[in-house]
Amino acid sequence: MNDLHAMQIFARVAELSSFTRAADSLGLPKTSVSNAVQQLESSLGTRLLQRTTRKVELTQDGRAYYERCTDLLADIDELQSLFQAGAQLRGRLRVDMPSGMARNFIIPKLPEFLREHPQIELELSSTDRLVDVVREGFDCVLRVGTLGDSSLIARPLGALPNVNCASPAYLQQFGTPRRVEDLARHRLIHYVSTLGAKSPGFEYFDGSAYRMLPMRGVVTVNNSDAYQACCLAGLGIIQAPAVGLQQLLAQGALVEVLPKLRAEPMPVSLLYPHRRNLAKRVQAFMNWLAQILAERVPL
């Protein structure tokens, strides 16, 4: 087995954290995958993967090798079609985005992209969890919200205006808040990225700056679908991007409250690992994604 094929196998094992899943995805026997990685480790003189009974993890050397390896594989993929006139983009794309963005905006338009690029194989992760872009092998991720410190390259796409909403049943029970002081008698549905984390509370603009008002609540969620469902069930007030609630507001299933006390718009960004030469298929997908979102996300 040549080194290039072994690198491709190693990269898939690293991305899936499993020899079995890597073998299934590549259509190879598990023993062939295991032997390829062992031969690669022998030729390099270092252990790339830490194997346990429960999972497979990259070692420190393995992580460094994986980052260089994926760059090289992307370069080779581009090189193979460099002199082919009218060559189509090909290869695997692994992307991640929030479930609401995927469901409402991206997936309905996805057939257009795949018709234009039929040789691209897309792996789409849609979760509210903050994935590890490099460790999990993502080509790019779409993020909604303030970005933390990161070594990733960020491409701003705009910002989503927020609205405060509650269900008619909730407002009938607790009344409609008219000012900040009224929130002392209300409940907030708390959203956190990781359960156990502390919710900052209700965000509002006081005329000079955005403030956080701690509020009580009976439920905390870590998923945007559950967040919306709890609001529809009358469990409290939510603060969420208006674009995802327009239909529910138009139907009267939800009602906007405190329209002058909206939370700060949520930035939308594309993140991708720093690479000297970004694969053309990744560039094409990110440009398409930016074009799709330009119709919905104000700059």
C-alpha atoms as a PDB file:
ATOM      1  CA  MET A   1       0.000   0.000   0.000  1.00  0.00           C
ATOM      2  CA  ASN A   2       1.454   3.393  -0.984  1.00  0.00           C
ATOM      3  CA  ASP A   3       1.905   6.253   1.462  1.00  0.00           C
ATOM      4  CA  LEU A   4      -0.798   8.389  -0.160  1.00  0.00           C
ATOM      5  CA  HIS A   5      -3.446   5.694   0.286  1.00  0.00           C
ATOM      6  CA  ALA A   6      -2.300   5.139   3.860  1.00  0.00           C
ATOM      7  CA  MET A   7      -2.602   8.865   4.547  1.00  0.00           C
ATOM      8  CA  GLN A   8      -6.156   8.868   3.192  1.00  0.00           C
ATOM      9  CA  ILE A   9      -7.061   5.945   5.437  1.00  0.00           C
ATOM     10  CA  PHE A  10      -5.416   7.544   8.491  1.00  0.00           C
ATOM     11  CA  ALA A  11      -7.263  10.819   7.876  1.00  0.00           C
ATOM     12  CA  ARG A  12     -10.621   9.051   7.758  1.00  0.00           C
ATOM     13  CA  VAL A  13      -9.880   7.133  10.993  1.00  0.00           C
ATOM     14  CA  ALA A  14      -8.876  10.399  12.673  1.00  0.00           C
ATOM     15  CA  GLU A  15     -12.051  12.144  11.497  1.00  0.00           C
ATOM     16  CA  LEU A  16     -14.395   9.372  12.581  1.00  0.00           C
ATOM     17  CA  SER A  17     -12.428   8.343  15.709  1.00  0.00           C
ATOM     18  CA  SER A  18     -13.072   4.737  14.766  1.00  0.00           C
ATOM     19  CA  PHE A  19     -11.356   2.045  12.687  1.00  0.00           C
ATOM     20  CA  THR A  20     -14.681   0.297  12.133  1.00  0.00           C
ATOM     21  CA  ARG A  21     -16.549   3.390  10.879  1.00  0.00           C
ATOM     22  CA  ALA A  22     -13.564   4.378   8.725  1.00  0.00           C
ATOM     23  CA  ALA A  23     -13.478   0.922   7.168  1.00  0.00           C
ATOM     24  CA  ASP A  24     -17.222   1.051   6.443  1.00  0.00           C
ATOM     25  CA  SER A  25     -17.006   4.498   4.852  1.00  0.00           C
ATOM     26  CA  LEU A  26     -14.047   3.477   2.667  1.00  0.00           C
ATOM     27  CA  GLY A  27     -15.458   0.070   1.751  1.00  0.00           C
ATOM     28  CA  LEU A  28     -12.410  -1.734   3.137  1.00  0.00           C
ATOM     29  CA  PRO A  29     -11.936  -4.570   5.639  1.00  0.00           C
ATOM     30  CA  LYS A  30     -11.156  -3.329   9.132  1.00  0.00           C
ATOM     31  CA  THR A  31      -7.889  -5.297   9.125  1.00  0.00           C
ATOM     32  CA  SER A  32      -6.725  -3.428   5.996  1.00  0.00           C
ATOM     33  CA  VAL A  33      -7.439  -0.086   7.669  1.00  0.00           C
ATOM     34  CA  SER A  34      -5.643  -1.098  10.864  1.00  0.00           C
ATOM     35  CA  ASN A  35      -2.628  -2.430   8.946  1.00  0.00           C
ATOM     36  CA  ALA A  36      -2.388   0.723   6.836  1.00  0.00           C
ATOM     37  CA  VAL A  37      -2.246   2.937   9.921  1.00  0.00           C
ATOM     38  CA  GLN A  38       0.291   0.657  11.616  1.00  0.00           C
ATOM     39  CA  GLN A  39       2.538   0.740   8.534  1.00  0.00           C
ATOM     40  CA  LEU A  40       2.253   4.531   8.388  1.00  0.00           C
ATOM     41  CA  GLU A  41       3.197   4.826  12.067  1.00  0.00           C
ATOM     42  CA  SER A  42       6.165   2.498  11.512  1.00  0.00           C
ATOM     43  CA  SER A  43       7.438   4.496   8.547  1.00  0.00           C
ATOM     44  CA  LEU A  44       7.113   7.760  10.488  1.00  0.00           C
ATOM     45  CA  GLY A  45       8.576   6.348  13.676  1.00  0.00           C
ATOM     46  CA  THR A  46       5.819   7.683  15.942  1.00  0.00           C
ATOM     47  CA  ARG A  47       2.378   6.764  17.245  1.00  0.00           C
ATOM     48  CA  LEU A  48      -0.372   8.756  15.526  1.00  0.00           C
ATOM     49  CA  LEU A  49      -3.428   7.304  17.252  1.00  0.00           C
ATOM     50  CA  GLN A  50      -4.145   6.331  20.831  1.00  0.00           C
ATOM     51  CA  ARG A  51      -6.322   3.218  20.801  1.00  0.00           C
ATOM     52  CA  THR A  52      -8.566   2.246  23.705  1.00  0.00           C
ATOM     53  CA  THR A  53     -11.479  -0.148  24.010  1.00  0.00           C
ATOM     54  CA  ARG A  54     -13.916   2.766  23.771  1.00  0.00           C
ATOM     55  CA  LYS A  55     -12.459   5.229  21.283  1.00  0.00           C
ATOM     56  CA  VAL A  56      -9.584   6.244  19.066  1.00  0.00           C
ATOM     57  CA  GLU A  57      -7.890   9.596  19.672  1.00  0.00           C
ATOM     58  CA  LEU A  58      -5.106  11.497  17.962  1.00  0.00           C
ATOM     59  CA  THR A  59      -1.816  11.758  19.824  1.00  0.00           C
ATOM     60  CA  GLN A  60      -0.017  15.112  19.850  1.00  0.00           C
ATOM     61  CA  ASP A  61       2.127  13.953  16.915  1.00  0.00           C
ATOM     62  CA  GLY A  62      -0.974  12.549  15.259  1.00  0.00           C
ATOM     63  CA  ARG A  63      -2.790  15.867  15.461  1.00  0.00           C
ATOM     64  CA  ALA A  64       0.152  17.723  13.905  1.00  0.00           C
ATOM     65  CA  TYR A  65       0.456  15.094  11.181  1.00  0.00           C
ATOM     66  CA  TYR A  66      -3.296  15.137  10.498  1.00  0.00           C
ATOM     67  CA  GLU A  67      -3.304  18.905   9.916  1.00  0.00           C
ATOM     68  CA  ARG A  68      -0.444  18.658   7.406  1.00  0.00           C
ATOM     69  CA  CYS A  69      -1.890  15.481   5.933  1.00  0.00           C
ATOM     70  CA  THR A  70      -5.301  17.006   5.143  1.00  0.00           C
ATOM     71  CA  ASP A  71      -3.631  20.010   3.497  1.00  0.00           C
ATOM     72  CA  LEU A  72      -1.535  17.714   1.334  1.00  0.00           C
ATOM     73  CA  LEU A  73      -4.488  15.524   0.346  1.00  0.00           C
ATOM     74  CA  ALA A  74      -6.487  18.621  -0.624  1.00  0.00           C
ATOM     75  CA  ASP A  75      -3.560  19.878  -2.721  1.00  0.00           C
ATOM     76  CA  ILE A  76      -3.237  16.526  -4.494  1.00  0.00           C
ATOM     77  CA  ASP A  77      -6.965  16.461  -5.185  1.00  0.00           C
ATOM     78  CA  GLU A  78      -6.696  19.895  -6.823  1.00  0.00           C
ATOM     79  CA  LEU A  79      -3.552  18.911  -8.718  1.00  0.00           C
ATOM     80  CA  GLN A  80      -5.224  15.903 -10.322  1.00  0.00           C
ATOM     81  CA  SER A  81      -7.702  18.155 -12.131  1.00  0.00           C
ATOM     82  CA  LEU A  82      -5.360  21.105 -12.771  1.00  0.00           C
ATOM     83  CA  PHE A  83      -4.986  20.530 -16.526  1.00  0.00           C
ATOM     84  CA  GLN A  84      -8.407  19.070 -17.215  1.00  0.00           C
ATOM     85  CA  ALA A  85     -10.409  21.559 -19.269  1.00  0.00           C
ATOM     86  CA  GLY A  86     -13.787  22.127 -17.708  1.00  0.00           C
ATOM     87  CA  ALA A  87     -12.977  19.686 -14.898  1.00  0.00           C
ATOM     88  CA  GLN A  88     -15.700  19.442 -12.314  1.00  0.00           C
ATOM     89  CA  LEU A  89     -15.079  19.939  -8.630  1.00  0.00           C
ATOM     90  CA  ARG A  90     -14.832  16.616  -6.876  1.00  0.00           C
ATOM     91  CA  GLY A  91     -14.131  15.117  -3.483  1.00  0.00           C
ATOM     92  CA  ARG A  92     -15.565  15.097   0.019  1.00  0.00           C
ATOM     93  CA  LEU A  93     -16.797  18.161   1.874  1.00  0.00           C
ATOM     94  CA  ARG A  94     -17.440  18.040   5.617  1.00  0.00           C
ATOM     95  CA  VAL A  95     -19.322  21.044   7.019  1.00  0.00           C
ATOM     96  CA  ASP A  96     -21.179  21.901  10.214  1.00  0.00           C
ATOM     97  CA  MET A  97     -23.914  24.447  10.899  1.00  0.00           C
ATOM     98  CA  PRO A  98     -26.716  25.120  13.402  1.00  0.00           C
ATOM     99  CA  SER A  99     -29.710  22.843  12.900  1.00  0.00           C
ATOM    100  CA  GLY A 100     -32.118  25.756  12.362  1.00  0.00           C
ATOM    101  CA  MET A 101     -29.956  27.313   9.645  1.00  0.00           C
ATOM    102  CA  ALA A 102     -29.556  23.939   7.947  1.00  0.00           C
ATOM    103  CA  ARG A 103     -33.267  23.109   8.045  1.00  0.00           C
ATOM    104  CA  ASN A 104     -34.672  26.500   7.089  1.00  0.00           C
ATOM    105  CA  PHE A 105     -32.149  27.960   4.652  1.00  0.00           C
ATOM    106  CA  ILE A 106     -29.426  25.629   3.439  1.00  0.00           C
ATOM    107  CA  ILE A 107     -30.920  22.178   2.872  1.00  0.00           C
ATOM    108  CA  PRO A 108     -33.865  23.457   0.753  1.00  0.00           C
ATOM    109  CA  LYS A 109     -31.309  25.034  -1.626  1.00  0.00           C
ATOM    110  CA  LEU A 110     -28.775  22.202  -1.473  1.00  0.00           C
ATOM    111  CA  PRO A 111     -30.059  20.310  -4.555  1.00  0.00           C
ATOM    112  CA  GLU A 112     -29.041  23.313  -6.678  1.00  0.00           C
ATOM    113  CA  PHE A 113     -25.440  23.161  -5.444  1.00  0.00           C
ATOM    114  CA  LEU A 114     -25.167  19.398  -5.886  1.00  0.00           C
ATOM    115  CA  ARG A 115     -26.662  19.540  -9.382  1.00  0.00           C
ATOM    116  CA  GLU A 116     -23.965  22.035 -10.316  1.00  0.00           C
ATOM    117  CA  HIS A 117     -21.233  19.938  -8.681  1.00  0.00           C
ATOM    118  CA  PRO A 118     -22.386  16.293  -8.955  1.00  0.00           C
ATOM    119  CA  GLN A 119     -18.984  14.828  -8.039  1.00  0.00           C
ATOM    120  CA  ILE A 120     -18.879  16.452  -4.607  1.00  0.00           C
ATOM    121  CA  GLU A 121     -19.812  14.272  -1.655  1.00  0.00           C
ATOM    122  CA  LEU A 122     -21.196  16.350   1.207  1.00  0.00           C
ATOM    123  CA  GLU A 123     -21.107  15.356   4.873  1.00  0.00           C
ATOM    124  CA  LEU A 124     -23.425  17.784   6.670  1.00  0.00           C
ATOM    125  CA  SER A 125     -23.401  18.012  10.452  1.00  0.00           C
ATOM    126  CA  SER A 126     -26.212  20.117  11.931  1.00  0.00           C
ATOM    127  CA  THR A 127     -25.912  20.641  15.652  1.00  0.00           C
ATOM    128  CA  ASP A 128     -25.871  23.435  18.196  1.00  0.00           C
ATOM    129  CA  ARG A 129     -22.694  21.938  19.686  1.00  0.00           C
ATOM    130  CA  LEU A 130     -19.460  23.812  18.980  1.00  0.00           C
ATOM    131  CA  VAL A 131     -17.508  21.227  17.027  1.00  0.00           C
ATOM    132  CA  ASP A 132     -13.714  21.071  17.005  1.00  0.00           C
ATOM    133  CA  VAL A 133     -13.084  22.068  13.404  1.00  0.00           C
ATOM    134  CA  VAL A 134      -9.534  20.754  13.095  1.00  0.00           C
ATOM    135  CA  ARG A 135      -9.788  17.666  15.304  1.00  0.00           C
ATOM    136  CA  GLU A 136     -13.059  16.511  13.728  1.00  0.00           C
ATOM    137  CA  GLY A 137     -11.903  17.197  10.193  1.00  0.00           C
ATOM    138  CA  PHE A 138     -14.384  19.874   9.106  1.00  0.00           C
ATOM    139  CA  ASP A 139     -13.612  21.920   6.011  1.00  0.00           C
ATOM    140  CA  CYS A 140     -15.738  24.822   7.228  1.00  0.00           C
ATOM    141  CA  VAL A 141     -18.427  25.581   9.794  1.00  0.00           C
ATOM    142  CA  LEU A 142     -21.214  28.128   9.949  1.00  0.00           C
ATOM    143  CA  ARG A 143     -21.510  29.825  13.341  1.00  0.00           C
ATOM    144  CA  VAL A 144     -24.223  32.094  14.724  1.00  0.00           C
ATOM    145  CA  GLY A 145     -23.221  34.216  17.710  1.00  0.00           C
ATOM    146  CA  THR A 146     -20.157  35.953  19.086  1.00  0.00           C
ATOM    147  CA  LEU A 147     -16.920  34.164  18.235  1.00  0.00           C
ATOM    148  CA  GLY A 148     -14.380  33.301  20.889  1.00  0.00           C
ATOM    149  CA  ASP A 149     -10.628  33.453  20.475  1.00  0.00           C
ATOM    150  CA  SER A 150      -9.619  31.009  17.791  1.00  0.00           C
ATOM    151  CA  SER A 151      -6.838  30.167  15.375  1.00  0.00           C
ATOM    152  CA  LEU A 152      -9.475  29.664  12.673  1.00  0.00           C
ATOM    153  CA  ILE A 153     -10.074  32.070   9.798  1.00  0.00           C
ATOM    154  CA  ALA A 154     -13.414  33.904  10.154  1.00  0.00           C
ATOM    155  CA  ARG A 155     -15.441  35.243   7.229  1.00  0.00           C
ATOM    156  CA  PRO A 156     -18.257  37.534   8.460  1.00  0.00           C
ATOM    157  CA  LEU A 157     -21.556  37.109   6.604  1.00  0.00           C
ATOM    158  CA  GLY A 158     -23.772  39.606   8.467  1.00  0.00           C
ATOM    159  CA  ALA A 159     -25.944  39.583  11.572  1.00  0.00           C
ATOM    160  CA  LEU A 160     -29.409  38.282  12.475  1.00  0.00           C
ATOM    161  CA  PRO A 161     -31.800  40.683  14.278  1.00  0.00           C
ATOM    162  CA  ASN A 162     -33.378  39.175  17.396  1.00  0.00           C
ATOM    163  CA  VAL A 163     -36.938  39.341  18.704  1.00  0.00           C
ATOM    164  CA  ASN A 164     -38.466  38.601  22.110  1.00  0.00           C
ATOM    165  CA  CYS A 165     -41.338  36.131  21.867  1.00  0.00           C
ATOM    166  CA  ALA A 166     -43.875  34.305  23.986  1.00  0.00           C
ATOM    167  CA  SER A 167     -46.930  32.175  23.269  1.00  0.00           C
ATOM    168  CA  PRO A 168     -50.492  33.532  23.591  1.00  0.00           C
ATOM    169  CA  ALA A 169     -51.140  31.005  26.391  1.00  0.00           C
ATOM    170  CA  TYR A 170     -48.135  32.260  28.350  1.00  0.00           C
ATOM    171  CA  LEU A 171     -49.193  35.900  27.967  1.00  0.00           C
ATOM    172  CA  GLN A 172     -52.728  35.047  29.060  1.00  0.00           C
ATOM    173  CA  GLN A 173     -51.337  33.488  32.244  1.00  0.00           C
ATOM    174  CA  PHE A 174     -48.590  35.978  33.107  1.00  0.00           C
ATOM    175  CA  GLY A 175     -49.622  39.132  31.244  1.00  0.00           C
ATOM    176  CA  THR A 176     -47.736  41.068  28.585  1.00  0.00           C
ATOM    177  CA  PRO A 177     -44.551  42.824  29.769  1.00  0.00           C
ATOM    178  CA  ARG A 178     -44.348  46.488  28.756  1.00  0.00           C
ATOM    179  CA  ARG A 179     -41.027  47.513  30.317  1.00  0.00           C
ATOM    180  CA  VAL A 180     -37.890  46.028  31.854  1.00  0.00           C
ATOM    181  CA  GLU A 181     -39.309  46.208  35.383  1.00  0.00           C
ATOM    182  CA  ASP A 182     -42.215  43.964  34.370  1.00  0.00           C
ATOM    183  CA  LEU A 183     -39.828  41.062  33.747  1.00  0.00           C
ATOM    184  CA  ALA A 184     -39.549  40.473  37.497  1.00  0.00           C
ATOM    185  CA  ARG A 185     -42.964  38.763  37.237  1.00  0.00           C
ATOM    186  CA  HIS A 186     -42.029  36.687  34.176  1.00  0.00           C
ATOM    187  CA  ARG A 187     -40.099  33.568  33.224  1.00  0.00           C
ATOM    188  CA  LEU A 188     -37.273  33.236  30.728  1.00  0.00           C
ATOM    189  CA  ILE A 189     -36.532  30.019  28.860  1.00  0.00           C
ATOM    190  CA  HIS A 190     -32.794  29.713  29.385  1.00  0.00           C
ATOM    191  CA  TYR A 191     -30.520  28.679  26.528  1.00  0.00           C
ATOM    192  CA  VAL A 192     -26.948  27.486  27.154  1.00  0.00           C
ATOM    193  CA  SER A 193     -24.539  25.731  24.811  1.00  0.00           C
ATOM    194  CA  THR A 194     -23.615  23.234  27.534  1.00  0.00           C
ATOM    195  CA  LEU A 195     -26.019  22.054  30.206  1.00  0.00           C
ATOM    196  CA  GLY A 196     -24.743  23.067  33.621  1.00  0.00           C
ATOM    197  CA  ALA A 197     -23.503  26.435  32.394  1.00  0.00           C
ATOM    198  CA  LYS A 198     -25.093  29.576  33.838  1.00  0.00           C
ATOM    199  CA  SER A 199     -27.535  31.478  31.643  1.00  0.00           C
ATOM    200  CA  PRO A 200     -26.697  35.212  31.432  1.00  0.00           C
ATOM    201  CA  GLY A 201     -30.382  36.180  31.475  1.00  0.00           C
ATOM    202  CA  PHE A 202     -32.437  38.604  29.393  1.00  0.00           C
ATOM    203  CA  GLU A 203     -30.402  40.858  27.082  1.00  0.00           C
ATOM    204  CA  TYR A 204     -31.660  44.329  26.203  1.00  0.00           C
ATOM    205  CA  PHE A 205     -30.446  47.746  25.010  1.00  0.00           C
ATOM    206  CA  ASP A 206     -30.820  50.470  27.631  1.00  0.00           C
ATOM    207  CA  GLY A 207     -30.228  53.362  25.246  1.00  0.00           C
ATOM    208  CA  SER A 208     -26.452  53.386  25.561  1.00  0.00           C
ATOM    209  CA  ALA A 209     -25.314  49.770  25.889  1.00  0.00           C
ATOM    210  CA  TYR A 210     -26.538  46.184  25.921  1.00  0.00           C
ATOM    211  CA  ARG A 211     -27.298  44.875  29.414  1.00  0.00           C
ATOM    212  CA  MET A 212     -28.074  41.498  30.960  1.00  0.00           C
ATOM    213  CA  LEU A 213     -30.957  41.115  33.390  1.00  0.00           C
ATOM    214  CA  PRO A 214     -30.911  37.876  35.440  1.00  0.00           C
ATOM    215  CA  MET A 215     -34.316  36.184  35.231  1.00  0.00           C
ATOM    216  CA  ARG A 216     -35.888  33.122  36.733  1.00  0.00           C
ATOM    217  CA  GLY A 217     -37.065  30.269  34.579  1.00  0.00           C
ATOM    218  CA  VAL A 218     -38.282  26.715  34.956  1.00  0.00           C
ATOM    219  CA  VAL A 219     -36.479  25.159  31.999  1.00  0.00           C
ATOM    220  CA  THR A 220     -33.006  25.345  30.445  1.00  0.00           C
ATOM    221  CA  VAL A 221     -32.191  23.877  27.022  1.00  0.00           C
ATOM    222  CA  ASN A 222     -29.106  23.495  24.835  1.00  0.00           C
ATOM    223  CA  ASN A 223     -30.833  23.051  21.485  1.00  0.00           C
ATOM    224  CA  SER A 224     -32.554  25.624  19.268  1.00  0.00           C
ATOM    225  CA  ASP A 225     -35.424  23.293  18.355  1.00  0.00           C
ATOM    226  CA  ALA A 226     -36.152  22.625  22.034  1.00  0.00           C
ATOM    227  CA  TYR A 227     -35.844  26.360  22.735  1.00  0.00           C
ATOM    228  CA  GLN A 228     -38.582  27.164  20.235  1.00  0.00           C
ATOM    229  CA  ALA A 229     -40.736  24.207  21.297  1.00  0.00           C
ATOM    230  CA  CYS A 230     -40.624  25.315  24.951  1.00  0.00           C
ATOM    231  CA  CYS A 231     -41.806  28.771  23.938  1.00  0.00           C
ATOM    232  CA  LEU A 232     -44.695  27.324  21.926  1.00  0.00           C
ATOM    233  CA  ALA A 233     -45.602  25.238  24.992  1.00  0.00           C
ATOM    234  CA  GLY A 234     -45.995  28.398  27.063  1.00  0.00           C
ATOM    235  CA  LEU A 235     -42.984  27.857  29.326  1.00  0.00           C
ATOM    236  CA  GLY A 236     -41.569  31.351  29.036  1.00  0.00           C
ATOM    237  CA  ILE A 237     -40.064  34.114  26.917  1.00  0.00           C
ATOM    238  CA  ILE A 238     -37.314  33.507  24.371  1.00  0.00           C
ATOM    239  CA  GLN A 239     -34.888  35.770  22.511  1.00  0.00           C
ATOM    240  CA  ALA A 240     -34.124  34.377  19.070  1.00  0.00           C
ATOM    241  CA  PRO A 241     -33.356  35.467  15.484  1.00  0.00           C
ATOM    242  CA  ALA A 242     -36.472  36.906  13.849  1.00  0.00           C
ATOM    243  CA  VAL A 243     -35.837  35.131  10.559  1.00  0.00           C
ATOM    244  CA  GLY A 244     -36.509  31.731  12.128  1.00  0.00           C
ATOM    245  CA  LEU A 245     -39.743  32.841  13.815  1.00  0.00           C
ATOM    246  CA  GLN A 246     -41.452  34.803  11.035  1.00  0.00           C
ATOM    247  CA  GLN A 247     -43.931  32.084  10.116  1.00  0.00           C
ATOM    248  CA  LEU A 248     -44.920  31.415  13.747  1.00  0.00           C
ATOM    249  CA  LEU A 249     -45.361  35.143  14.362  1.00  0.00           C
ATOM    250  CA  ALA A 250     -47.464  35.532  11.208  1.00  0.00           C
ATOM    251  CA  GLN A 251     -49.657  32.591  12.259  1.00  0.00           C
ATOM    252  CA  GLY A 252     -50.124  33.997  15.757  1.00  0.00           C
ATOM    253  CA  ALA A 253     -48.530  30.930  17.354  1.00  0.00           C
ATOM    254  CA  LEU A 254     -46.022  33.310  18.938  1.00  0.00           C
ATOM    255  CA  VAL A 255     -46.306  36.985  19.843  1.00  0.00           C
ATOM    256  CA  GLU A 256     -43.493  39.523  19.917  1.00  0.00           C
ATOM    257  CA  VAL A 257     -43.076  41.337  23.235  1.00  0.00           C
ATOM    258  CA  LEU A 258     -40.889  44.268  24.280  1.00  0.00           C
ATOM    259  CA  PRO A 259     -40.030  45.216  20.676  1.00  0.00           C
ATOM    260  CA  LYS A 260     -37.910  48.171  21.865  1.00  0.00           C
ATOM    261  CA  LEU A 261     -35.811  45.917  24.102  1.00  0.00           C
ATOM    262  CA  ARG A 262     -34.376  43.505  21.570  1.00  0.00           C
ATOM    263  CA  ALA A 263     -31.108  41.667  22.183  1.00  0.00           C
ATOM    264  CA  GLU A 264     -28.030  42.548  20.132  1.00  0.00           C
ATOM    265  CA  PRO A 265     -28.113  41.100  16.584  1.00  0.00           C
ATOM    266  CA  MET A 266     -26.273  37.775  16.335  1.00  0.00           C
ATOM    267  CA  PRO A 267     -23.271  37.734  13.969  1.00  0.00           C
ATOM    268  CA  VAL A 268     -23.129  34.994  11.339  1.00  0.00           C
ATOM    269  CA  SER A 269     -19.674  33.764  10.331  1.00  0.00           C
ATOM    270  CA  LEU A 270     -17.992  31.104   8.251  1.00  0.00           C
ATOM    271  CA  LEU A 271     -14.980  29.543   9.966  1.00  0.00           C
ATOM    272  CA  TYR A 272     -12.333  27.390   8.360  1.00  0.00           C
ATOM    273  CA  PRO A 273      -8.841  26.146   9.236  1.00  0.00           C
ATOM    274  CA  HIS A 274      -5.901  28.215   8.135  1.00  0.00           C
ATOM    275  CA  ARG A 275      -4.573  26.618   4.990  1.00  0.00           C
ATOM    276  CA  ARG A 276      -2.102  27.980   2.503  1.00  0.00           C
ATOM    277  CA  ASN A 277      -4.189  26.828  -0.460  1.00  0.00           C
ATOM    278  CA  LEU A 278      -7.851  26.246   0.301  1.00  0.00           C
ATOM    279  CA  ALA A 279      -9.356  23.515  -1.884  1.00  0.00           C
ATOM    280  CA  LYS A 280     -11.495  24.853  -4.717  1.00  0.00           C
ATOM    281  CA  ARG A 281     -14.477  22.749  -3.654  1.00  0.00           C
ATOM    282  CA  VAL A 282     -14.353  24.362  -0.202  1.00  0.00           C
ATOM    283  CA  GLN A 283     -14.094  27.831  -1.716  1.00  0.00           C
ATOM    284  CA  ALA A 284     -17.012  27.083  -4.048  1.00  0.00           C
ATOM    285  CA  PHE A 285     -19.211  25.840  -1.205  1.00  0.00           C
ATOM    286  CA  MET A 286     -18.410  28.797   1.052  1.00  0.00           C
ATOM    287  CA  ASN A 287     -19.127  31.273  -1.746  1.00  0.00           C
ATOM    288  CA  TRP A 288     -22.430  29.513  -2.471  1.00  0.00           C
ATOM    289  CA  LEU A 289     -23.301  29.515   1.234  1.00  0.00           C
ATOM    290  CA  ALA A 290     -22.566  33.234   1.482  1.00  0.00           C
ATOM    291  CA  GLN A 291     -24.767  33.896  -1.544  1.00  0.00           C
ATOM    292  CA  ILE A 292     -27.667  31.887  -0.086  1.00  0.00           C
ATOM    293  CA  LEU A 293     -27.454  33.649   3.263  1.00  0.00           C
ATOM    294  CA  ALA A 294     -27.112  37.101   1.681  1.00  0.00           C
ATOM    295  CA  GLU A 295     -30.815  36.842   0.878  1.00  0.00           C
ATOM    296  CA  ARG A 296     -31.686  36.325   4.567  1.00  0.00           C
ATOM    297  CA  VAL A 297     -28.870  37.804   6.673  1.00  0.00           C
ATOM    298  CA  PRO A 298     -28.542  41.617   6.693  1.00  0.00           C
ATOM    299  CA  LEU A 299     -24.980  42.926   6.353  1.00  0.00           C
END
